[in-house]
Amino acid sequence: MIKPVLQLPKTIRFLNENELPGNNLPVFKRWEESKNANIVEGYTLTLKDNNPDNNALGFRFYAEINIDNPKLWALMLALSETLPDEVAFLFGHVDFDLNYGNYQDKEGTLDFITQYQYELAEDAFINYGLIYNDEKTLIEVFVDESKYVKYWGVDEGWFRAIMEEFGLKEVKGLEFVDEYPKVREVLTVLDEKALDSKSLIELFAQKYL
């Protein structure tokens, strides 16, 4: 099987052929297609349309970004610079609702969560992000459990400058790992020194809720 060009976290991989469910043609087809998937470093950018229903949402564009996993945390920090000084921390387990933390100082929040950057970059059962939202503005940096970035922003020039800083290009037809059959490994099974998902979420809940 051809591996994707993108460097994934150790906890995420495509199915091996012997792991495919029997007599499930749609899954088999997607598995075959994953061999040539366009899962590479890069980003897509979609401008918000002029639908009046969207005007109250407060963002001007939406982007999705693939980046090699070792650079994920640095990219998240760079994008967080586009947020104001007060932000809310978002976090949760993939199987449960997302938790919205109380607004706190951005630098203090980043200092705290950076202690757990290894788990946040590698644990495929946790998603998280930073958000600022008022009546006029929405800016959000969100790291999906599949470890690619979703970004809602207002300053397209600043965003593209960050993408250029990381050597990321806008890629037509860019795809993401969660579009194909995949396996998510438990991080603590692969690395017993890591903090488990449940404990990490409980720690964040005590700090931010």
N, C-alpha and C. Protein backbone atom coordinates (compact mmCIF):
# COMPACT_ATOMS: atom_id res chain seq x y z
N MET A 1 0.84 -1.20 0.00
CA MET A 1 0.00 0.00 0.00
C MET A 1 0.87 1.25 0.00
N ILE A 2 0.54 2.22 -0.84
CA ILE A 2 1.29 3.46 -0.91
C ILE A 2 0.97 4.32 0.29
N LYS A 3 1.99 4.72 1.00
CA LYS A 3 1.78 5.58 2.16
C LYS A 3 1.56 7.01 1.72
N PRO A 4 0.78 7.80 2.49
CA PRO A 4 0.58 9.20 2.13
C PRO A 4 1.87 9.98 2.28
N VAL A 5 1.98 11.04 1.51
CA VAL A 5 3.15 11.89 1.59
C VAL A 5 3.18 12.60 2.95
N LEU A 6 2.01 12.94 3.46
CA LEU A 6 1.93 13.65 4.74
C LEU A 6 2.43 12.77 5.88
N GLN A 7 3.21 13.34 6.78
CA GLN A 7 3.67 12.61 7.95
C GLN A 7 2.59 12.67 9.03
N LEU A 8 1.97 11.53 9.27
CA LEU A 8 0.87 11.43 10.23
C LEU A 8 1.40 11.20 11.64
N PRO A 9 0.57 11.46 12.67
CA PRO A 9 0.99 11.08 14.02
C PRO A 9 1.10 9.57 14.13
N LYS A 10 1.86 9.12 15.11
CA LYS A 10 2.07 7.68 15.27
C LYS A 10 0.78 6.93 15.56
N THR A 11 -0.25 7.64 15.99
CA THR A 11 -1.51 7.02 16.40
C THR A 11 -2.51 6.82 15.26
N ILE A 12 -2.18 7.29 14.07
CA ILE A 12 -3.13 7.21 12.94
C ILE A 12 -2.46 6.51 11.76
N ARG A 13 -3.16 5.55 11.20
CA ARG A 13 -2.67 4.85 10.00
C ARG A 13 -3.86 4.35 9.20
N PHE A 14 -3.61 4.05 7.94
CA PHE A 14 -4.64 3.44 7.12
C PHE A 14 -4.78 1.96 7.48
N LEU A 15 -5.92 1.41 7.15
CA LEU A 15 -6.15 -0.02 7.38
C LEU A 15 -5.19 -0.87 6.56
N ASN A 16 -4.73 -1.96 7.14
CA ASN A 16 -4.07 -2.99 6.36
C ASN A 16 -5.13 -3.83 5.65
N GLU A 17 -4.75 -4.49 4.59
CA GLU A 17 -5.73 -5.24 3.81
C GLU A 17 -6.43 -6.31 4.65
N ASN A 18 -5.69 -6.94 5.57
CA ASN A 18 -6.31 -8.00 6.39
C ASN A 18 -7.22 -7.45 7.47
N GLU A 19 -7.29 -6.12 7.60
CA GLU A 19 -8.19 -5.50 8.57
C GLU A 19 -9.49 -5.01 7.93
N LEU A 20 -9.59 -5.13 6.63
CA LEU A 20 -10.80 -4.68 5.96
C LEU A 20 -11.99 -5.57 6.33
N PRO A 21 -13.16 -4.96 6.58
CA PRO A 21 -14.34 -5.78 6.89
C PRO A 21 -14.77 -6.57 5.66
N GLY A 22 -15.17 -7.80 5.86
CA GLY A 22 -15.56 -8.64 4.74
C GLY A 22 -16.84 -8.18 4.08
N ASN A 23 -16.91 -8.32 2.77
CA ASN A 23 -18.11 -8.04 1.98
C ASN A 23 -18.62 -6.60 2.14
N ASN A 24 -17.70 -5.67 2.38
CA ASN A 24 -18.08 -4.26 2.47
C ASN A 24 -17.41 -3.52 1.32
N LEU A 25 -18.10 -3.50 0.18
CA LEU A 25 -17.51 -2.94 -1.02
C LEU A 25 -17.20 -1.45 -0.91
N PRO A 26 -18.08 -0.62 -0.28
CA PRO A 26 -17.74 0.80 -0.16
C PRO A 26 -16.44 1.04 0.62
N VAL A 27 -16.24 0.30 1.71
CA VAL A 27 -15.00 0.46 2.48
C VAL A 27 -13.81 0.01 1.66
N PHE A 28 -13.95 -1.13 0.96
CA PHE A 28 -12.86 -1.62 0.12
C PHE A 28 -12.51 -0.61 -0.97
N LYS A 29 -13.54 0.01 -1.56
CA LYS A 29 -13.30 1.00 -2.62
C LYS A 29 -12.53 2.19 -2.08
N ARG A 30 -12.94 2.69 -0.91
CA ARG A 30 -12.25 3.83 -0.32
C ARG A 30 -10.82 3.45 0.08
N TRP A 31 -10.63 2.24 0.54
CA TRP A 31 -9.29 1.78 0.89
C TRP A 31 -8.41 1.77 -0.35
N GLU A 32 -8.94 1.28 -1.46
CA GLU A 32 -8.19 1.28 -2.71
C GLU A 32 -7.86 2.72 -3.13
N GLU A 33 -8.83 3.60 -3.00
CA GLU A 33 -8.62 5.00 -3.40
C GLU A 33 -7.60 5.70 -2.51
N SER A 34 -7.50 5.25 -1.26
CA SER A 34 -6.56 5.89 -0.33
C SER A 34 -5.11 5.72 -0.78
N LYS A 35 -4.85 4.71 -1.61
CA LYS A 35 -3.48 4.49 -2.08
C LYS A 35 -2.97 5.66 -2.90
N ASN A 36 -3.87 6.38 -3.53
CA ASN A 36 -3.49 7.52 -4.38
C ASN A 36 -4.11 8.82 -3.88
N ALA A 37 -4.46 8.86 -2.62
CA ALA A 37 -5.11 10.05 -2.06
C ALA A 37 -4.16 11.25 -2.07
N ASN A 38 -4.73 12.41 -2.26
CA ASN A 38 -3.96 13.64 -2.30
C ASN A 38 -3.82 14.22 -0.88
N ILE A 39 -3.26 13.39 0.01
CA ILE A 39 -3.07 13.79 1.41
C ILE A 39 -1.63 14.25 1.55
N VAL A 40 -1.43 15.53 1.30
CA VAL A 40 -0.11 16.13 1.30
C VAL A 40 -0.14 17.40 2.15
N GLU A 41 1.03 17.97 2.40
CA GLU A 41 1.05 19.26 3.08
C GLU A 41 0.41 20.32 2.18
N GLY A 42 -0.35 21.21 2.79
CA GLY A 42 -0.99 22.28 2.05
C GLY A 42 -2.28 22.70 2.70
N TYR A 43 -3.02 23.58 2.03
CA TYR A 43 -4.27 24.06 2.62
C TYR A 43 -5.29 24.38 1.54
N THR A 44 -6.53 24.42 1.97
CA THR A 44 -7.63 24.92 1.15
C THR A 44 -8.18 26.17 1.83
N LEU A 45 -8.71 27.09 1.06
CA LEU A 45 -9.29 28.31 1.62
C LEU A 45 -10.59 28.61 0.90
N THR A 46 -11.63 28.82 1.69
CA THR A 46 -12.95 29.11 1.15
C THR A 46 -13.44 30.44 1.73
N LEU A 47 -13.72 31.39 0.86
CA LEU A 47 -14.26 32.66 1.31
C LEU A 47 -15.72 32.49 1.70
N LYS A 48 -16.09 33.18 2.76
CA LYS A 48 -17.50 33.16 3.16
C LYS A 48 -18.32 33.86 2.10
N ASP A 49 -19.45 33.26 1.73
CA ASP A 49 -20.27 33.89 0.70
C ASP A 49 -21.03 35.08 1.30
N ASN A 50 -21.77 35.77 0.47
CA ASN A 50 -22.47 36.97 0.90
C ASN A 50 -23.90 36.70 1.35
N ASN A 51 -24.20 35.44 1.63
CA ASN A 51 -25.52 35.10 2.15
C ASN A 51 -25.76 35.86 3.45
N PRO A 52 -26.86 36.62 3.55
CA PRO A 52 -27.13 37.38 4.79
C PRO A 52 -27.13 36.51 6.03
N ASP A 53 -27.48 35.24 5.88
CA ASP A 53 -27.50 34.35 7.04
C ASP A 53 -26.10 34.13 7.60
N ASN A 54 -25.09 34.36 6.78
CA ASN A 54 -23.71 34.15 7.23
C ASN A 54 -23.06 35.41 7.80
N ASN A 55 -23.70 36.55 7.59
CA ASN A 55 -23.07 37.81 7.99
C ASN A 55 -22.84 37.90 9.49
N ALA A 56 -23.70 37.25 10.27
CA ALA A 56 -23.58 37.33 11.71
C ALA A 56 -22.52 36.38 12.27
N LEU A 57 -21.94 35.54 11.41
CA LEU A 57 -21.00 34.54 11.89
C LEU A 57 -19.63 35.12 12.23
N GLY A 58 -19.29 36.27 11.67
CA GLY A 58 -18.11 36.99 12.12
C GLY A 58 -16.79 36.60 11.50
N PHE A 59 -16.74 35.63 10.59
CA PHE A 59 -15.49 35.27 9.93
C PHE A 59 -15.60 35.59 8.44
N ARG A 60 -14.45 35.74 7.79
CA ARG A 60 -14.43 36.07 6.37
C ARG A 60 -14.02 34.90 5.49
N PHE A 61 -13.33 33.92 6.08
CA PHE A 61 -12.91 32.76 5.30
C PHE A 61 -12.70 31.58 6.24
N TYR A 62 -12.71 30.40 5.63
CA TYR A 62 -12.48 29.15 6.35
C TYR A 62 -11.39 28.37 5.62
N ALA A 63 -10.46 27.80 6.39
CA ALA A 63 -9.36 27.06 5.79
C ALA A 63 -9.18 25.73 6.49
N GLU A 64 -8.68 24.75 5.75
CA GLU A 64 -8.28 23.46 6.31
C GLU A 64 -6.84 23.21 5.89
N ILE A 65 -6.02 22.73 6.83
CA ILE A 65 -4.58 22.68 6.62
C ILE A 65 -4.02 21.31 7.00
N ASN A 66 -3.29 20.71 6.07
CA ASN A 66 -2.47 19.53 6.36
C ASN A 66 -1.04 19.98 6.59
N ILE A 67 -0.42 19.48 7.65
CA ILE A 67 0.98 19.76 7.89
C ILE A 67 1.61 18.53 8.53
N ASP A 68 2.87 18.27 8.23
CA ASP A 68 3.55 17.13 8.86
C ASP A 68 3.44 17.24 10.37
N ASN A 69 3.14 16.11 11.01
CA ASN A 69 2.83 16.13 12.43
C ASN A 69 3.88 16.79 13.32
N PRO A 70 5.18 16.62 13.06
CA PRO A 70 6.16 17.28 13.93
C PRO A 70 6.07 18.81 13.92
N LYS A 71 5.42 19.39 12.89
CA LYS A 71 5.29 20.85 12.80
C LYS A 71 3.92 21.35 13.22
N LEU A 72 3.04 20.44 13.63
CA LEU A 72 1.66 20.81 13.94
C LEU A 72 1.59 21.82 15.08
N TRP A 73 2.31 21.57 16.15
CA TRP A 73 2.22 22.45 17.32
C TRP A 73 2.73 23.86 16.98
N ALA A 74 3.82 23.94 16.26
CA ALA A 74 4.35 25.24 15.88
C ALA A 74 3.35 26.01 15.01
N LEU A 75 2.65 25.32 14.12
CA LEU A 75 1.65 25.97 13.29
C LEU A 75 0.49 26.47 14.14
N MET A 76 0.04 25.65 15.08
CA MET A 76 -1.04 26.08 15.96
C MET A 76 -0.66 27.34 16.72
N LEU A 77 0.57 27.40 17.22
CA LEU A 77 1.02 28.59 17.95
C LEU A 77 1.08 29.81 17.03
N ALA A 78 1.55 29.62 15.81
CA ALA A 78 1.62 30.73 14.86
C ALA A 78 0.24 31.27 14.53
N LEU A 79 -0.71 30.38 14.30
CA LEU A 79 -2.08 30.82 14.00
C LEU A 79 -2.74 31.47 15.20
N SER A 80 -2.34 31.06 16.40
CA SER A 80 -2.93 31.66 17.60
C SER A 80 -2.56 33.13 17.73
N GLU A 81 -1.49 33.56 17.05
CA GLU A 81 -1.11 34.97 17.09
C GLU A 81 -2.18 35.86 16.45
N THR A 82 -3.02 35.29 15.61
CA THR A 82 -4.09 36.07 14.97
C THR A 82 -5.28 36.30 15.89
N LEU A 83 -5.27 35.67 17.06
CA LEU A 83 -6.34 35.82 18.04
C LEU A 83 -6.06 36.97 18.98
N PRO A 84 -7.11 37.60 19.54
CA PRO A 84 -6.91 38.64 20.55
C PRO A 84 -6.28 38.07 21.82
N ASP A 85 -6.07 38.93 22.81
CA ASP A 85 -5.37 38.54 24.03
C ASP A 85 -6.21 37.69 24.97
N GLU A 86 -7.53 37.68 24.80
CA GLU A 86 -8.41 36.85 25.61
C GLU A 86 -9.07 35.81 24.71
N VAL A 87 -8.95 34.54 25.09
CA VAL A 87 -9.49 33.45 24.27
C VAL A 87 -10.13 32.40 25.16
N ALA A 88 -10.93 31.56 24.53
CA ALA A 88 -11.46 30.38 25.21
C ALA A 88 -10.78 29.15 24.62
N PHE A 89 -10.49 28.20 25.50
CA PHE A 89 -9.87 26.94 25.08
C PHE A 89 -10.97 25.92 24.87
N LEU A 90 -10.95 25.27 23.72
CA LEU A 90 -11.90 24.22 23.36
C LEU A 90 -11.20 22.88 23.45
N PHE A 91 -11.87 21.89 23.98
CA PHE A 91 -11.23 20.58 24.10
C PHE A 91 -12.29 19.51 24.31
N GLY A 92 -11.96 18.30 23.91
CA GLY A 92 -12.90 17.21 24.12
C GLY A 92 -12.40 15.89 23.56
N HIS A 93 -13.10 14.84 23.94
CA HIS A 93 -12.87 13.50 23.41
C HIS A 93 -13.71 13.34 22.15
N VAL A 94 -13.20 12.61 21.20
CA VAL A 94 -13.86 12.47 19.92
C VAL A 94 -15.28 11.92 20.05
N ASP A 95 -15.55 11.12 21.07
CA ASP A 95 -16.86 10.48 21.22
C ASP A 95 -17.83 11.30 22.08
N PHE A 96 -17.42 12.49 22.51
CA PHE A 96 -18.27 13.30 23.38
C PHE A 96 -18.33 14.74 22.88
N ASP A 97 -19.23 15.52 23.49
CA ASP A 97 -19.37 16.91 23.09
C ASP A 97 -18.11 17.70 23.42
N LEU A 98 -17.86 18.72 22.63
CA LEU A 98 -16.73 19.60 22.85
C LEU A 98 -16.99 20.50 24.06
N ASN A 99 -15.97 20.71 24.86
CA ASN A 99 -16.05 21.61 26.01
C ASN A 99 -15.56 22.99 25.62
N TYR A 100 -16.34 24.02 25.99
CA TYR A 100 -15.95 25.40 25.74
C TYR A 100 -15.50 26.02 27.05
N GLY A 101 -14.22 26.30 27.16
CA GLY A 101 -13.69 26.87 28.39
C GLY A 101 -14.05 28.33 28.55
N ASN A 102 -13.83 28.84 29.75
CA ASN A 102 -14.04 30.25 30.03
C ASN A 102 -12.94 31.08 29.37
N TYR A 103 -13.27 32.31 29.00
CA TYR A 103 -12.26 33.18 28.39
C TYR A 103 -11.19 33.51 29.42
N GLN A 104 -9.94 33.35 28.99
CA GLN A 104 -8.80 33.64 29.85
C GLN A 104 -7.69 34.26 29.00
N ASP A 105 -6.63 34.69 29.66
CA ASP A 105 -5.49 35.27 28.98
C ASP A 105 -4.88 34.26 28.00
N LYS A 106 -4.69 34.69 26.77
CA LYS A 106 -4.19 33.78 25.73
C LYS A 106 -2.80 33.25 26.05
N GLU A 107 -1.90 34.13 26.45
CA GLU A 107 -0.53 33.69 26.70
C GLU A 107 -0.48 32.69 27.86
N GLY A 108 -1.27 32.94 28.90
CA GLY A 108 -1.31 32.00 30.01
C GLY A 108 -1.88 30.65 29.60
N THR A 109 -2.90 30.71 28.75
CA THR A 109 -3.50 29.47 28.25
C THR A 109 -2.49 28.68 27.42
N LEU A 110 -1.80 29.36 26.53
CA LEU A 110 -0.80 28.68 25.70
C LEU A 110 0.34 28.12 26.54
N ASP A 111 0.76 28.87 27.55
CA ASP A 111 1.83 28.37 28.43
C ASP A 111 1.41 27.07 29.10
N PHE A 112 0.15 27.04 29.54
CA PHE A 112 -0.33 25.85 30.26
C PHE A 112 -0.46 24.65 29.33
N ILE A 113 -1.14 24.82 28.21
CA ILE A 113 -1.39 23.67 27.35
C ILE A 113 -0.13 23.20 26.63
N THR A 114 0.87 24.08 26.50
CA THR A 114 2.12 23.67 25.86
C THR A 114 2.82 22.57 26.66
N GLN A 115 2.53 22.48 27.94
CA GLN A 115 3.07 21.39 28.75
C GLN A 115 2.64 20.03 28.21
N TYR A 116 1.52 20.02 27.47
CA TYR A 116 0.93 18.77 26.98
C TYR A 116 0.93 18.74 25.45
N GLN A 117 1.87 19.45 24.85
CA GLN A 117 1.90 19.53 23.39
C GLN A 117 2.11 18.17 22.75
N TYR A 118 2.86 17.29 23.39
CA TYR A 118 3.09 15.96 22.82
C TYR A 118 1.77 15.22 22.69
N GLU A 119 1.00 15.16 23.78
CA GLU A 119 -0.30 14.47 23.74
C GLU A 119 -1.26 15.15 22.77
N LEU A 120 -1.28 16.48 22.78
CA LEU A 120 -2.22 17.21 21.92
C LEU A 120 -1.89 17.03 20.44
N ALA A 121 -0.63 16.82 20.13
CA ALA A 121 -0.24 16.61 18.74
C ALA A 121 -0.41 15.17 18.29
N GLU A 122 -0.38 14.24 19.22
CA GLU A 122 -0.36 12.82 18.87
C GLU A 122 -1.64 12.06 19.19
N ASP A 123 -2.38 12.47 20.21
CA ASP A 123 -3.54 11.69 20.67
C ASP A 123 -4.71 11.85 19.69
N ALA A 124 -5.03 10.79 18.99
CA ALA A 124 -6.06 10.82 17.94
C ALA A 124 -7.47 10.71 18.49
N PHE A 125 -7.62 10.73 19.79
CA PHE A 125 -8.95 10.71 20.41
C PHE A 125 -9.31 12.06 21.03
N ILE A 126 -8.42 13.04 20.91
CA ILE A 126 -8.65 14.37 21.48
C ILE A 126 -8.63 15.41 20.37
N ASN A 127 -9.59 16.33 20.42
CA ASN A 127 -9.54 17.52 19.58
C ASN A 127 -9.54 18.76 20.47
N TYR A 128 -9.06 19.87 19.94
CA TYR A 128 -8.90 21.06 20.78
C TYR A 128 -8.70 22.29 19.90
N GLY A 129 -8.80 23.45 20.52
CA GLY A 129 -8.56 24.67 19.78
C GLY A 129 -8.67 25.89 20.66
N LEU A 130 -8.50 27.05 20.04
CA LEU A 130 -8.65 28.34 20.68
C LEU A 130 -9.64 29.16 19.87
N ILE A 131 -10.50 29.91 20.57
CA ILE A 131 -11.53 30.68 19.87
C ILE A 131 -11.70 32.05 20.51
N TYR A 132 -12.00 33.02 19.65
CA TYR A 132 -12.49 34.32 20.10
C TYR A 132 -13.75 34.61 19.29
N ASN A 133 -14.81 34.95 19.97
CA ASN A 133 -16.09 35.18 19.29
C ASN A 133 -16.87 36.26 20.03
N ASP A 134 -17.17 37.36 19.32
CA ASP A 134 -18.07 38.36 19.87
C ASP A 134 -19.15 38.65 18.84
N GLU A 135 -19.85 39.75 18.98
CA GLU A 135 -20.97 40.03 18.09
C GLU A 135 -20.54 40.24 16.65
N LYS A 136 -19.28 40.64 16.45
CA LYS A 136 -18.83 40.97 15.10
C LYS A 136 -17.73 40.08 14.55
N THR A 137 -17.03 39.38 15.43
CA THR A 137 -15.80 38.69 15.01
C THR A 137 -15.77 37.25 15.49
N LEU A 138 -15.34 36.36 14.62
CA LEU A 138 -15.06 34.97 14.97
C LEU A 138 -13.70 34.60 14.40
N ILE A 139 -12.78 34.22 15.29
CA ILE A 139 -11.49 33.68 14.89
C ILE A 139 -11.30 32.40 15.68
N GLU A 140 -11.00 31.33 14.99
CA GLU A 140 -10.85 30.04 15.68
C GLU A 140 -9.73 29.22 15.02
N VAL A 141 -8.89 28.65 15.85
CA VAL A 141 -7.89 27.67 15.43
C VAL A 141 -8.29 26.35 16.08
N PHE A 142 -8.56 25.34 15.27
CA PHE A 142 -9.06 24.08 15.81
C PHE A 142 -8.27 22.92 15.22
N VAL A 143 -7.76 22.05 16.09
CA VAL A 143 -7.02 20.87 15.65
C VAL A 143 -7.94 19.66 15.78
N ASP A 144 -8.32 19.12 14.66
CA ASP A 144 -9.21 17.96 14.59
C ASP A 144 -8.53 16.74 15.22
N GLU A 145 -9.32 15.76 15.65
CA GLU A 145 -8.73 14.55 16.23
C GLU A 145 -7.84 13.81 15.23
N SER A 146 -8.06 14.04 13.93
CA SER A 146 -7.19 13.44 12.91
C SER A 146 -5.94 14.27 12.67
N LYS A 147 -5.77 15.33 13.45
CA LYS A 147 -4.55 16.14 13.50
C LYS A 147 -4.27 16.94 12.24
N TYR A 148 -5.34 17.48 11.67
CA TYR A 148 -5.18 18.57 10.72
C TYR A 148 -5.91 19.78 11.30
N VAL A 149 -5.64 20.95 10.75
CA VAL A 149 -6.10 22.20 11.35
C VAL A 149 -7.27 22.78 10.57
N LYS A 150 -8.25 23.25 11.32
CA LYS A 150 -9.36 24.01 10.75
C LYS A 150 -9.27 25.43 11.29
N TYR A 151 -9.44 26.40 10.41
CA TYR A 151 -9.23 27.79 10.81
C TYR A 151 -10.33 28.68 10.24
N TRP A 152 -10.94 29.45 11.12
CA TRP A 152 -11.91 30.48 10.74
C TRP A 152 -11.25 31.83 11.02
N GLY A 153 -11.15 32.71 10.01
CA GLY A 153 -10.40 33.94 10.23
C GLY A 153 -11.01 35.16 9.56
N VAL A 154 -10.38 36.31 9.82
CA VAL A 154 -10.85 37.59 9.28
C VAL A 154 -9.77 38.29 8.46
N ASP A 155 -8.51 37.93 8.66
CA ASP A 155 -7.39 38.60 7.98
C ASP A 155 -6.71 37.60 7.04
N GLU A 156 -7.16 37.59 5.80
CA GLU A 156 -6.64 36.61 4.84
C GLU A 156 -5.15 36.80 4.56
N GLY A 157 -4.72 38.06 4.49
CA GLY A 157 -3.31 38.33 4.23
C GLY A 157 -2.40 37.78 5.32
N TRP A 158 -2.80 37.95 6.57
CA TRP A 158 -2.03 37.44 7.69
C TRP A 158 -1.98 35.92 7.65
N PHE A 159 -3.13 35.32 7.37
CA PHE A 159 -3.19 33.85 7.28
C PHE A 159 -2.26 33.34 6.20
N ARG A 160 -2.31 33.94 5.01
CA ARG A 160 -1.47 33.45 3.91
C ARG A 160 0.02 33.67 4.22
N ALA A 161 0.34 34.72 4.96
CA ALA A 161 1.73 34.95 5.34
C ALA A 161 2.23 33.83 6.26
N ILE A 162 1.37 33.37 7.17
CA ILE A 162 1.74 32.26 8.05
C ILE A 162 1.92 30.98 7.23
N MET A 163 1.03 30.75 6.28
CA MET A 163 1.16 29.57 5.43
C MET A 163 2.49 29.60 4.67
N GLU A 164 2.85 30.77 4.17
CA GLU A 164 4.12 30.90 3.43
C GLU A 164 5.30 30.65 4.37
N GLU A 165 5.19 31.14 5.60
CA GLU A 165 6.26 30.93 6.58
C GLU A 165 6.53 29.44 6.80
N PHE A 166 5.48 28.63 6.74
CA PHE A 166 5.61 27.19 6.96
C PHE A 166 5.79 26.42 5.65
N GLY A 167 5.91 27.14 4.55
CA GLY A 167 6.12 26.48 3.27
C GLY A 167 4.89 25.76 2.76
N LEU A 168 3.71 26.22 3.16
CA LEU A 168 2.46 25.56 2.77
C LEU A 168 1.81 26.31 1.62
N LYS A 169 1.38 25.56 0.62
CA LYS A 169 0.74 26.12 -0.56
C LYS A 169 -0.75 25.77 -0.58
N GLU A 170 -1.52 26.59 -1.26
CA GLU A 170 -2.92 26.26 -1.48
C GLU A 170 -2.96 25.13 -2.52
N VAL A 171 -3.62 24.03 -2.17
CA VAL A 171 -3.59 22.82 -3.00
C VAL A 171 -5.00 22.50 -3.49
N LYS A 172 -5.16 22.49 -4.79
CA LYS A 172 -6.45 22.12 -5.37
C LYS A 172 -6.68 20.62 -5.16
N GLY A 173 -7.87 20.26 -4.72
CA GLY A 173 -8.19 18.86 -4.52
C GLY A 173 -7.51 18.23 -3.33
N LEU A 174 -7.08 19.06 -2.37
CA LEU A 174 -6.44 18.53 -1.17
C LEU A 174 -7.40 17.62 -0.41
N GLU A 175 -6.86 16.51 0.10
CA GLU A 175 -7.68 15.57 0.87
C GLU A 175 -7.11 15.41 2.27
N PHE A 176 -7.93 14.82 3.15
CA PHE A 176 -7.57 14.69 4.55
C PHE A 176 -7.76 13.24 4.99
N VAL A 177 -6.96 12.85 5.97
CA VAL A 177 -6.90 11.43 6.33
C VAL A 177 -8.24 10.88 6.80
N ASP A 178 -9.08 11.73 7.39
CA ASP A 178 -10.35 11.22 7.90
C ASP A 178 -11.39 10.98 6.80
N GLU A 179 -11.01 11.22 5.55
CA GLU A 179 -11.90 10.91 4.43
C GLU A 179 -11.81 9.44 4.01
N TYR A 180 -10.87 8.71 4.62
CA TYR A 180 -10.62 7.33 4.23
C TYR A 180 -10.64 6.42 5.45
N PRO A 181 -10.86 5.11 5.23
CA PRO A 181 -10.84 4.17 6.36
C PRO A 181 -9.47 4.21 7.05
N LYS A 182 -9.50 4.35 8.36
CA LYS A 182 -8.24 4.48 9.10
C LYS A 182 -8.36 3.81 10.46
N VAL A 183 -7.23 3.63 11.09
CA VAL A 183 -7.15 3.08 12.44
C VAL A 183 -6.58 4.16 13.35
N ARG A 184 -7.20 4.32 14.51
CA ARG A 184 -6.67 5.22 15.53
C ARG A 184 -6.15 4.38 16.69
N GLU A 185 -4.87 4.48 16.93
CA GLU A 185 -4.26 3.74 18.04
C GLU A 185 -4.31 4.59 19.31
N VAL A 186 -4.40 3.93 20.45
CA VAL A 186 -4.36 4.64 21.73
C VAL A 186 -2.92 5.04 22.02
N LEU A 187 -2.71 6.32 22.28
CA LEU A 187 -1.35 6.82 22.45
C LEU A 187 -0.62 6.13 23.60
N THR A 188 -1.31 5.88 24.71
CA THR A 188 -0.64 5.28 25.86
C THR A 188 -0.26 3.83 25.62
N VAL A 189 -0.86 3.19 24.64
CA VAL A 189 -0.44 1.83 24.26
C VAL A 189 0.89 1.89 23.53
N LEU A 190 1.07 2.94 22.73
CA LEU A 190 2.31 3.11 21.98
C LEU A 190 3.40 3.76 22.82
N ASP A 191 2.99 4.54 23.82
CA ASP A 191 3.95 5.25 24.66
C ASP A 191 3.38 5.33 26.07
N GLU A 192 3.85 4.46 26.94
CA GLU A 192 3.29 4.37 28.29
C GLU A 192 3.60 5.60 29.13
N LYS A 193 4.51 6.44 28.69
CA LYS A 193 4.84 7.66 29.43
C LYS A 193 3.86 8.79 29.15
N ALA A 194 3.06 8.65 28.12
CA ALA A 194 2.11 9.70 27.74
C ALA A 194 0.95 9.75 28.73
N LEU A 195 0.34 10.92 28.85
CA LEU A 195 -0.86 11.08 29.67
C LEU A 195 -2.06 10.60 28.86
N ASP A 196 -2.91 9.81 29.49
CA ASP A 196 -4.06 9.25 28.75
C ASP A 196 -5.11 10.32 28.49
N SER A 197 -5.95 10.06 27.50
CA SER A 197 -6.95 11.02 27.04
C SER A 197 -7.87 11.47 28.17
N LYS A 198 -8.38 10.54 28.93
CA LYS A 198 -9.34 10.85 29.99
C LYS A 198 -8.72 11.78 31.04
N SER A 199 -7.51 11.47 31.46
CA SER A 199 -6.84 12.28 32.47
C SER A 199 -6.55 13.69 31.96
N LEU A 200 -6.16 13.78 30.70
CA LEU A 200 -5.85 15.08 30.13
C LEU A 200 -7.10 15.95 30.04
N ILE A 201 -8.19 15.38 29.60
CA ILE A 201 -9.44 16.13 29.50
C ILE A 201 -9.93 16.55 30.88
N GLU A 202 -9.80 15.69 31.88
CA GLU A 202 -10.18 16.05 33.25
C GLU A 202 -9.32 17.21 33.76
N LEU A 203 -8.03 17.19 33.43
CA LEU A 203 -7.13 18.26 33.84
C LEU A 203 -7.55 19.58 33.21
N PHE A 204 -7.88 19.55 31.93
CA PHE A 204 -8.31 20.77 31.24
C PHE A 204 -9.65 21.25 31.80
N ALA A 205 -10.53 20.34 32.14
CA ALA A 205 -11.82 20.72 32.70
C ALA A 205 -11.65 21.44 34.03
N GLN A 206 -10.75 20.96 34.86
CA GLN A 206 -10.49 21.61 36.14
C GLN A 206 -9.92 23.01 35.96
N LYS A 207 -9.15 23.18 34.92
CA LYS A 207 -8.47 24.45 34.68
C LYS A 207 -9.36 25.48 33.99
N TYR A 208 -10.22 25.04 33.07
CA TYR A 208 -10.88 25.99 32.19
C TYR A 208 -12.41 26.04 32.29
N LEU A 209 -13.03 25.08 32.95
CA LEU A 209 -14.49 25.11 33.02
C LEU A 209 -14.99 25.69 34.33
